[in-house]
């Protein structure tokens, strides 16, 4: 973002996020019986 789009970068952090952000496909979900005990 500091470089800017004119120099091959991005003009905002939101623009960079659309291209570069990454999370795994799988998610961790609560187990209801464990939730109750905890």
ModelCIF file with pLDDT and N, C-alpha, C, O atoms, coordinates in Angstrom:
data_MODEL
#
_entry.id   MODEL 
#
_entity.id                         1 
_entity.type                       polymer 
_entity.pdbx_number_of_molecules   1 
#
_entity_poly.entity_id                      1 
_entity_poly.type                           'polypeptide(L)' 
_entity_poly.nstd_linkage                   no 
_entity_poly.nstd_monomer                   no 
_entity_poly.pdbx_seq_one_letter_code       
;(UNK)(UNK)(UNK)(UNK)(UNK)(UNK)(UNK)(UNK)(UNK)(UNK)(UNK)(UNK)(UNK)(UNK)(UNK)(UNK)
(UNK)(UNK)(UNK)(UNK)(UNK)(UNK)(UNK)(UNK)(UNK)(UNK)(UNK)(UNK)(UNK)(UNK)(UNK)(UNK)
(UNK)(UNK)(UNK)(UNK)(UNK)(UNK)
;
_entity_poly.pdbx_seq_one_letter_code_can   XXXXXXXXXXXXXXXXXXXXXXXXXXXXXXXXXXXXXX 
_entity_poly.pdbx_strand_id                 A 
#
loop_
_entity_poly_seq.entity_id 
_entity_poly_seq.num 
_entity_poly_seq.mon_id 
_entity_poly_seq.hetero 
1 1  UNK n 
1 2  UNK n 
1 3  UNK n 
1 4  UNK n 
1 5  UNK n 
1 6  UNK n 
1 7  UNK n 
1 8  UNK n 
1 9  UNK n 
1 10 UNK n 
1 11 UNK n 
1 12 UNK n 
1 13 UNK n 
1 14 UNK n 
1 15 UNK n 
1 16 UNK n 
1 17 UNK n 
1 18 UNK n 
1 19 UNK n 
1 20 UNK n 
1 21 UNK n 
1 22 UNK n 
1 23 UNK n 
1 24 UNK n 
1 25 UNK n 
1 26 UNK n 
1 27 UNK n 
1 28 UNK n 
1 29 UNK n 
1 30 UNK n 
1 31 UNK n 
1 32 UNK n 
1 33 UNK n 
1 34 UNK n 
1 35 UNK n 
1 36 UNK n 
1 37 UNK n 
1 38 UNK n 
#
_struct_asym.id          A 
_struct_asym.entity_id   1 
#
loop_
_ma_qa_metric.id 
_ma_qa_metric.mode 
_ma_qa_metric.name 
_ma_qa_metric.software_group_id 
_ma_qa_metric.type 
1 global pLDDT . pLDDT 
2 local  pLDDT . pLDDT 
#
_ma_qa_metric_global.metric_id      1 
_ma_qa_metric_global.metric_value   96.50 
_ma_qa_metric_global.model_id       1 
_ma_qa_metric_global.ordinal_id     1 
#
loop_
_ma_qa_metric_local.label_asym_id 
_ma_qa_metric_local.label_comp_id 
_ma_qa_metric_local.label_seq_id 
_ma_qa_metric_local.metric_id 
_ma_qa_metric_local.metric_value 
_ma_qa_metric_local.model_id 
_ma_qa_metric_local.ordinal_id 
A UNK 1  2 98.00 1 1  
A UNK 2  2 98.00 1 2  
A UNK 3  2 98.00 1 3  
A UNK 4  2 98.00 1 4  
A UNK 5  2 97.00 1 5  
A UNK 6  2 97.00 1 6  
A UNK 7  2 97.00 1 7  
A UNK 8  2 97.00 1 8  
A UNK 9  2 98.00 1 9  
A UNK 10 2 97.00 1 10 
A UNK 11 2 97.00 1 11 
A UNK 12 2 95.00 1 12 
A UNK 13 2 95.00 1 13 
A UNK 14 2 94.00 1 14 
A UNK 15 2 96.00 1 15 
A UNK 16 2 97.00 1 16 
A UNK 17 2 95.00 1 17 
A UNK 18 2 95.00 1 18 
A UNK 19 2 96.00 1 19 
A UNK 20 2 97.00 1 20 
A UNK 21 2 96.00 1 21 
A UNK 22 2 92.00 1 22 
A UNK 23 2 94.00 1 23 
A UNK 24 2 94.00 1 24 
A UNK 25 2 93.00 1 25 
A UNK 26 2 91.00 1 26 
A UNK 27 2 97.00 1 27 
A UNK 28 2 98.00 1 28 
A UNK 29 2 98.00 1 29 
A UNK 30 2 98.00 1 30 
A UNK 31 2 98.00 1 31 
A UNK 32 2 98.00 1 32 
A UNK 33 2 98.00 1 33 
A UNK 34 2 98.00 1 34 
A UNK 35 2 98.00 1 35 
A UNK 36 2 98.00 1 36 
A UNK 37 2 98.00 1 37 
A UNK 38 2 98.00 1 38 
#
loop_
_atom_site.group_PDB 
_atom_site.id 
_atom_site.type_symbol 
_atom_site.label_atom_id 
_atom_site.label_alt_id 
_atom_site.label_comp_id 
_atom_site.label_asym_id 
_atom_site.label_entity_id 
_atom_site.label_seq_id 
_atom_site.pdbx_PDB_ins_code 
_atom_site.Cartn_x 
_atom_site.Cartn_y 
_atom_site.Cartn_z 
_atom_site.occupancy 
_atom_site.B_iso_or_equiv 
_atom_site.pdbx_formal_charge 
_atom_site.auth_seq_id 
_atom_site.auth_comp_id 
_atom_site.auth_asym_id 
_atom_site.auth_atom_id 
_atom_site.pdbx_PDB_model_num 
ATOM 1   N N  . UNK A 1 1  ? 0.838   -1.204  0.000   1.00 98.00 ? 1  UNK A N  1 
ATOM 2   C CA . UNK A 1 1  ? 0.000   0.000   0.000   1.00 98.00 ? 1  UNK A CA 1 
ATOM 3   C C  . UNK A 1 1  ? 0.873   1.255   0.000   1.00 98.00 ? 1  UNK A C  1 
ATOM 4   O O  . UNK A 1 1  ? 0.546   2.246   -0.653  1.00 98.00 ? 1  UNK A O  1 
ATOM 5   N N  . UNK A 1 2  ? 1.978   1.205   0.733   1.00 98.00 ? 2  UNK A N  1 
ATOM 6   C CA . UNK A 1 2  ? 2.896   2.346   0.744   1.00 98.00 ? 2  UNK A CA 1 
ATOM 7   C C  . UNK A 1 2  ? 3.439   2.615   -0.657  1.00 98.00 ? 2  UNK A C  1 
ATOM 8   O O  . UNK A 1 2  ? 3.681   3.766   -1.020  1.00 98.00 ? 2  UNK A O  1 
ATOM 9   N N  . UNK A 1 3  ? 3.631   1.546   -1.449  1.00 98.00 ? 3  UNK A N  1 
ATOM 10  C CA . UNK A 1 3  ? 4.131   1.701   -2.819  1.00 98.00 ? 3  UNK A CA 1 
ATOM 11  C C  . UNK A 1 3  ? 3.088   2.347   -3.723  1.00 98.00 ? 3  UNK A C  1 
ATOM 12  O O  . UNK A 1 3  ? 3.424   3.171   -4.573  1.00 98.00 ? 3  UNK A O  1 
ATOM 13  N N  . UNK A 1 4  ? 1.816   1.972   -3.541  1.00 98.00 ? 4  UNK A N  1 
ATOM 14  C CA . UNK A 1 4  ? 0.752   2.517   -4.371  1.00 98.00 ? 4  UNK A CA 1 
ATOM 15  C C  . UNK A 1 4  ? 0.559   1.738   -5.661  1.00 98.00 ? 4  UNK A C  1 
ATOM 16  O O  . UNK A 1 4  ? 1.482   1.088   -6.150  1.00 98.00 ? 4  UNK A O  1 
ATOM 17  N N  . UNK A 1 5  ? -0.637  1.808   -6.202  1.00 97.00 ? 5  UNK A N  1 
ATOM 18  C CA . UNK A 1 5  ? -0.978  1.055   -7.412  1.00 97.00 ? 5  UNK A CA 1 
ATOM 19  C C  . UNK A 1 5  ? -0.122  1.468   -8.606  1.00 97.00 ? 5  UNK A C  1 
ATOM 20  O O  . UNK A 1 5  ? 0.208   0.638   -9.452  1.00 97.00 ? 5  UNK A O  1 
ATOM 21  N N  . UNK A 1 6  ? 0.235   2.741   -8.674  1.00 97.00 ? 6  UNK A N  1 
ATOM 22  C CA . UNK A 1 6  ? 1.031   3.224   -9.805  1.00 97.00 ? 6  UNK A CA 1 
ATOM 23  C C  . UNK A 1 6  ? 2.397   2.552   -9.873  1.00 97.00 ? 6  UNK A C  1 
ATOM 24  O O  . UNK A 1 6  ? 3.017   2.499   -10.935 1.00 97.00 ? 6  UNK A O  1 
ATOM 25  N N  . UNK A 1 7  ? 2.865   2.037   -8.729  1.00 97.00 ? 7  UNK A N  1 
ATOM 26  C CA . UNK A 1 7  ? 4.174   1.377   -8.671  1.00 97.00 ? 7  UNK A CA 1 
ATOM 27  C C  . UNK A 1 7  ? 4.059   -0.134  -8.512  1.00 97.00 ? 7  UNK A C  1 
ATOM 28  O O  . UNK A 1 7  ? 5.018   -0.803  -8.127  1.00 97.00 ? 7  UNK A O  1 
ATOM 29  N N  . UNK A 1 8  ? 2.873   -0.666  -8.813  1.00 97.00 ? 8  UNK A N  1 
ATOM 30  C CA . UNK A 1 8  ? 2.674   -2.105  -8.743  1.00 97.00 ? 8  UNK A CA 1 
ATOM 31  C C  . UNK A 1 8  ? 2.075   -2.601  -7.456  1.00 97.00 ? 8  UNK A C  1 
ATOM 32  O O  . UNK A 1 8  ? 1.867   -3.804  -7.303  1.00 97.00 ? 8  UNK A O  1 
ATOM 33  N N  . UNK A 1 9  ? 1.786   -1.699  -6.506  1.00 98.00 ? 9  UNK A N  1 
ATOM 34  C CA . UNK A 1 9  ? 1.180   -2.089  -5.238  1.00 98.00 ? 9  UNK A CA 1 
ATOM 35  C C  . UNK A 1 9  ? -0.319  -1.854  -5.229  1.00 98.00 ? 9  UNK A C  1 
ATOM 36  O O  . UNK A 1 9  ? -1.013  -2.156  -6.200  1.00 98.00 ? 9  UNK A O  1 
ATOM 37  N N  . UNK A 1 10 ? -0.816  -1.308  -4.112  1.00 97.00 ? 10 UNK A N  1 
ATOM 38  C CA . UNK A 1 10 ? -2.256  -1.054  -3.961  1.00 97.00 ? 10 UNK A CA 1 
ATOM 39  C C  . UNK A 1 10 ? -2.464  0.353   -3.420  1.00 97.00 ? 10 UNK A C  1 
ATOM 40  O O  . UNK A 1 10 ? -1.580  0.916   -2.774  1.00 97.00 ? 10 UNK A O  1 
ATOM 41  N N  . UNK A 1 11 ? -3.621  0.909   -3.683  1.00 97.00 ? 11 UNK A N  1 
ATOM 42  C CA . UNK A 1 11 ? -3.924  2.256   -3.205  1.00 97.00 ? 11 UNK A CA 1 
ATOM 43  C C  . UNK A 1 11 ? -4.588  2.269   -1.841  1.00 97.00 ? 11 UNK A C  1 
ATOM 44  O O  . UNK A 1 11 ? -4.686  3.325   -1.216  1.00 97.00 ? 11 UNK A O  1 
ATOM 45  N N  . UNK A 1 12 ? -5.052  1.107   -1.360  1.00 95.00 ? 12 UNK A N  1 
ATOM 46  C CA . UNK A 1 12 ? -5.658  1.045   -0.022  1.00 95.00 ? 12 UNK A CA 1 
ATOM 47  C C  . UNK A 1 12 ? -5.477  -0.345  0.541   1.00 95.00 ? 12 UNK A C  1 
ATOM 48  O O  . UNK A 1 12 ? -5.270  -1.302  -0.206  1.00 95.00 ? 12 UNK A O  1 
ATOM 49  N N  . UNK A 1 13 ? -5.554  -0.463  1.869   1.00 95.00 ? 13 UNK A N  1 
ATOM 50  C CA . UNK A 1 13 ? -5.415  -1.772  2.499   1.00 95.00 ? 13 UNK A CA 1 
ATOM 51  C C  . UNK A 1 13 ? -6.606  -2.662  2.155   1.00 95.00 ? 13 UNK A C  1 
ATOM 52  O O  . UNK A 1 13 ? -6.473  -3.886  2.139   1.00 95.00 ? 13 UNK A O  1 
ATOM 53  N N  . UNK A 1 14 ? -7.765  -2.070  1.880   1.00 94.00 ? 14 UNK A N  1 
ATOM 54  C CA . UNK A 1 14 ? -8.923  -2.875  1.478   1.00 94.00 ? 14 UNK A CA 1 
ATOM 55  C C  . UNK A 1 14 ? -8.696  -3.500  0.109   1.00 94.00 ? 14 UNK A C  1 
ATOM 56  O O  . UNK A 1 14 ? -9.102  -4.638  -0.130  1.00 94.00 ? 14 UNK A O  1 
ATOM 57  N N  . UNK A 1 15 ? -8.048  -2.761  -0.795  1.00 96.00 ? 15 UNK A N  1 
ATOM 58  C CA . UNK A 1 15 ? -7.712  -3.337  -2.104  1.00 96.00 ? 15 UNK A CA 1 
ATOM 59  C C  . UNK A 1 15 ? -6.737  -4.496  -1.940  1.00 96.00 ? 15 UNK A C  1 
ATOM 60  O O  . UNK A 1 15 ? -6.869  -5.525  -2.603  1.00 96.00 ? 15 UNK A O  1 
ATOM 61  N N  . UNK A 1 16 ? -5.762  -4.328  -1.057  1.00 97.00 ? 16 UNK A N  1 
ATOM 62  C CA . UNK A 1 16 ? -4.785  -5.398  -0.813  1.00 97.00 ? 16 UNK A CA 1 
ATOM 63  C C  . UNK A 1 16 ? -5.464  -6.622  -0.210  1.00 97.00 ? 16 UNK A C  1 
ATOM 64  O O  . UNK A 1 16 ? -5.127  -7.757  -0.546  1.00 97.00 ? 16 UNK A O  1 
ATOM 65  N N  . UNK A 1 17 ? -6.419  -6.386  0.679   1.00 95.00 ? 17 UNK A N  1 
ATOM 66  C CA . UNK A 1 17 ? -7.130  -7.492  1.340   1.00 95.00 ? 17 UNK A CA 1 
ATOM 67  C C  . UNK A 1 17 ? -7.855  -8.371  0.327   1.00 95.00 ? 17 UNK A C  1 
ATOM 68  O O  . UNK A 1 17 ? -7.844  -9.596  0.446   1.00 95.00 ? 17 UNK A O  1 
ATOM 69  N N  . UNK A 1 18 ? -8.477  -7.758  -0.653  1.00 95.00 ? 18 UNK A N  1 
ATOM 70  C CA . UNK A 1 18 ? -9.242  -8.514  -1.660  1.00 95.00 ? 18 UNK A CA 1 
ATOM 71  C C  . UNK A 1 18 ? -8.352  -9.487  -2.429  1.00 95.00 ? 18 UNK A C  1 
ATOM 72  O O  . UNK A 1 18 ? -8.815  -10.547 -2.849  1.00 95.00 ? 18 UNK A O  1 
ATOM 73  N N  . UNK A 1 19 ? -7.091  -9.139  -2.616  1.00 96.00 ? 19 UNK A N  1 
ATOM 74  C CA . UNK A 1 19 ? -6.177  -9.985  -3.396  1.00 96.00 ? 19 UNK A CA 1 
ATOM 75  C C  . UNK A 1 19 ? -5.371  -10.954 -2.546  1.00 96.00 ? 19 UNK A C  1 
ATOM 76  O O  . UNK A 1 19 ? -5.103  -12.079 -2.968  1.00 96.00 ? 19 UNK A O  1 
ATOM 77  N N  . UNK A 1 20 ? -4.976  -10.514 -1.329  1.00 97.00 ? 20 UNK A N  1 
ATOM 78  C CA . UNK A 1 20 ? -3.921  -11.217 -0.616  1.00 97.00 ? 20 UNK A CA 1 
ATOM 79  C C  . UNK A 1 20 ? -4.342  -11.944 0.650   1.00 97.00 ? 20 UNK A C  1 
ATOM 80  O O  . UNK A 1 20 ? -3.612  -12.820 1.114   1.00 97.00 ? 20 UNK A O  1 
ATOM 81  N N  . UNK A 1 21 ? -5.495  -11.612 1.227   1.00 96.00 ? 21 UNK A N  1 
ATOM 82  C CA . UNK A 1 21 ? -5.903  -12.218 2.501   1.00 96.00 ? 21 UNK A CA 1 
ATOM 83  C C  . UNK A 1 21 ? -6.209  -13.706 2.316   1.00 96.00 ? 21 UNK A C  1 
ATOM 84  O O  . UNK A 1 21 ? -6.718  -14.122 1.275   1.00 96.00 ? 21 UNK A O  1 
ATOM 85  N N  . UNK A 1 22 ? -5.887  -14.508 3.356   1.00 92.00 ? 22 UNK A N  1 
ATOM 86  C CA . UNK A 1 22 ? -6.058  -15.959 3.231   1.00 92.00 ? 22 UNK A CA 1 
ATOM 87  C C  . UNK A 1 22 ? -6.462  -16.575 4.562   1.00 92.00 ? 22 UNK A C  1 
ATOM 88  O O  . UNK A 1 22 ? -5.838  -16.325 5.593   1.00 92.00 ? 22 UNK A O  1 
ATOM 89  N N  . UNK A 1 23 ? -7.533  -17.396 4.523   1.00 94.00 ? 23 UNK A N  1 
ATOM 90  C CA . UNK A 1 23 ? -7.901  -18.220 5.684   1.00 94.00 ? 23 UNK A CA 1 
ATOM 91  C C  . UNK A 1 23 ? -8.177  -19.639 5.179   1.00 94.00 ? 23 UNK A C  1 
ATOM 92  O O  . UNK A 1 23 ? -8.464  -19.854 4.002   1.00 94.00 ? 23 UNK A O  1 
ATOM 93  N N  . UNK A 1 24 ? -8.083  -20.586 6.089   1.00 94.00 ? 24 UNK A N  1 
ATOM 94  C CA . UNK A 1 24 ? -8.336  -21.987 5.729   1.00 94.00 ? 24 UNK A CA 1 
ATOM 95  C C  . UNK A 1 24 ? -9.823  -22.223 5.453   1.00 94.00 ? 24 UNK A C  1 
ATOM 96  O O  . UNK A 1 24 ? -10.689 -21.513 5.965   1.00 94.00 ? 24 UNK A O  1 
ATOM 97  N N  . UNK A 1 25 ? -10.090 -23.227 4.639   1.00 93.00 ? 25 UNK A N  1 
ATOM 98  C CA . UNK A 1 25 ? -11.483 -23.545 4.303   1.00 93.00 ? 25 UNK A CA 1 
ATOM 99  C C  . UNK A 1 25 ? -12.217 -24.164 5.494   1.00 93.00 ? 25 UNK A C  1 
ATOM 100 O O  . UNK A 1 25 ? -13.381 -23.849 5.743   1.00 93.00 ? 25 UNK A O  1 
ATOM 101 N N  . UNK A 1 26 ? -11.530 -25.045 6.230   1.00 91.00 ? 26 UNK A N  1 
ATOM 102 C CA . UNK A 1 26 ? -12.200 -25.723 7.337   1.00 91.00 ? 26 UNK A CA 1 
ATOM 103 C C  . UNK A 1 26 ? -12.340 -24.792 8.538   1.00 91.00 ? 26 UNK A C  1 
ATOM 104 O O  . UNK A 1 26 ? -11.495 -23.928 8.771   1.00 91.00 ? 26 UNK A O  1 
ATOM 105 N N  . UNK A 1 27 ? -13.415 -24.979 9.293   1.00 97.00 ? 27 UNK A N  1 
ATOM 106 C CA . UNK A 1 27 ? -13.664 -24.173 10.481  1.00 97.00 ? 27 UNK A CA 1 
ATOM 107 C C  . UNK A 1 27 ? -13.791 -25.097 11.691  1.00 97.00 ? 27 UNK A C  1 
ATOM 108 O O  . UNK A 1 27 ? -14.039 -26.294 11.550  1.00 97.00 ? 27 UNK A O  1 
ATOM 109 N N  . UNK A 1 28 ? -13.617 -24.527 12.871  1.00 98.00 ? 28 UNK A N  1 
ATOM 110 C CA . UNK A 1 28 ? -13.757 -25.281 14.120  1.00 98.00 ? 28 UNK A CA 1 
ATOM 111 C C  . UNK A 1 28 ? -15.073 -24.865 14.752  1.00 98.00 ? 28 UNK A C  1 
ATOM 112 O O  . UNK A 1 28 ? -15.282 -23.685 15.034  1.00 98.00 ? 28 UNK A O  1 
ATOM 113 N N  . UNK A 1 29 ? -15.953 -25.813 14.974  1.00 98.00 ? 29 UNK A N  1 
ATOM 114 C CA . UNK A 1 29 ? -17.291 -25.501 15.483  1.00 98.00 ? 29 UNK A CA 1 
ATOM 115 C C  . UNK A 1 29 ? -17.448 -26.001 16.912  1.00 98.00 ? 29 UNK A C  1 
ATOM 116 O O  . UNK A 1 29 ? -16.885 -27.037 17.267  1.00 98.00 ? 29 UNK A O  1 
ATOM 117 N N  . UNK A 1 30 ? -18.201 -25.284 17.734  1.00 98.00 ? 30 UNK A N  1 
ATOM 118 C CA . UNK A 1 30 ? -18.417 -25.728 19.119  1.00 98.00 ? 30 UNK A CA 1 
ATOM 119 C C  . UNK A 1 30 ? -19.184 -27.051 19.170  1.00 98.00 ? 30 UNK A C  1 
ATOM 120 O O  . UNK A 1 30 ? -20.049 -27.314 18.335  1.00 98.00 ? 30 UNK A O  1 
ATOM 121 N N  . UNK A 1 31 ? -18.854 -27.869 20.154  1.00 98.00 ? 31 UNK A N  1 
ATOM 122 C CA . UNK A 1 31 ? -19.564 -29.123 20.407  1.00 98.00 ? 31 UNK A CA 1 
ATOM 123 C C  . UNK A 1 31 ? -20.575 -28.867 21.519  1.00 98.00 ? 31 UNK A C  1 
ATOM 124 O O  . UNK A 1 31 ? -20.171 -28.571 22.644  1.00 98.00 ? 31 UNK A O  1 
ATOM 125 N N  . UNK A 1 32 ? -21.878 -28.970 21.246  1.00 98.00 ? 32 UNK A N  1 
ATOM 126 C CA . UNK A 1 32 ? -22.908 -28.528 22.204  1.00 98.00 ? 32 UNK A CA 1 
ATOM 127 C C  . UNK A 1 32 ? -22.747 -29.101 23.610  1.00 98.00 ? 32 UNK A C  1 
ATOM 128 O O  . UNK A 1 32 ? -22.890 -28.370 24.590  1.00 98.00 ? 32 UNK A O  1 
ATOM 129 N N  . UNK A 1 33 ? -22.451 -30.398 23.726  1.00 98.00 ? 33 UNK A N  1 
ATOM 130 C CA . UNK A 1 33 ? -22.330 -30.978 25.074  1.00 98.00 ? 33 UNK A CA 1 
ATOM 131 C C  . UNK A 1 33 ? -21.118 -30.411 25.816  1.00 98.00 ? 33 UNK A C  1 
ATOM 132 O O  . UNK A 1 33 ? -21.155 -30.256 27.037  1.00 98.00 ? 33 UNK A O  1 
ATOM 133 N N  . UNK A 1 34 ? -20.052 -30.103 25.087  1.00 98.00 ? 34 UNK A N  1 
ATOM 134 C CA . UNK A 1 34 ? -18.891 -29.474 25.712  1.00 98.00 ? 34 UNK A CA 1 
ATOM 135 C C  . UNK A 1 34 ? -19.206 -28.051 26.152  1.00 98.00 ? 34 UNK A C  1 
ATOM 136 O O  . UNK A 1 34 ? -18.779 -27.611 27.219  1.00 98.00 ? 34 UNK A O  1 
ATOM 137 N N  . UNK A 1 35 ? -19.961 -27.335 25.316  1.00 98.00 ? 35 UNK A N  1 
ATOM 138 C CA . UNK A 1 35 ? -20.359 -25.961 25.645  1.00 98.00 ? 35 UNK A CA 1 
ATOM 139 C C  . UNK A 1 35 ? -21.107 -25.930 26.972  1.00 98.00 ? 35 UNK A C  1 
ATOM 140 O O  . UNK A 1 35 ? -20.873 -25.050 27.801  1.00 98.00 ? 35 UNK A O  1 
ATOM 141 N N  . UNK A 1 36 ? -22.002 -26.886 27.172  1.00 98.00 ? 36 UNK A N  1 
ATOM 142 C CA . UNK A 1 36 ? -22.825 -26.918 28.385  1.00 98.00 ? 36 UNK A CA 1 
ATOM 143 C C  . UNK A 1 36 ? -21.959 -27.128 29.629  1.00 98.00 ? 36 UNK A C  1 
ATOM 144 O O  . UNK A 1 36 ? -22.170 -26.469 30.647  1.00 98.00 ? 36 UNK A O  1 
ATOM 145 N N  . UNK A 1 37 ? -20.988 -28.040 29.553  1.00 98.00 ? 37 UNK A N  1 
ATOM 146 C CA . UNK A 1 37 ? -20.128 -28.305 30.710  1.00 98.00 ? 37 UNK A CA 1 
ATOM 147 C C  . UNK A 1 37 ? -19.222 -27.110 30.986  1.00 98.00 ? 37 UNK A C  1 
ATOM 148 O O  . UNK A 1 37 ? -19.045 -26.703 32.134  1.00 98.00 ? 37 UNK A O  1 
ATOM 149 N N  . UNK A 1 38 ? -18.657 -26.559 29.927  1.00 98.00 ? 38 UNK A N  1 
ATOM 150 C CA . UNK A 1 38 ? -17.744 -25.430 30.118  1.00 98.00 ? 38 UNK A CA 1 
ATOM 151 C C  . UNK A 1 38 ? -18.471 -24.197 30.662  1.00 98.00 ? 38 UNK A C  1 
ATOM 152 O O  . UNK A 1 38 ? -17.847 -23.159 30.880  1.00 98.00 ? 38 UNK A O  1 
#
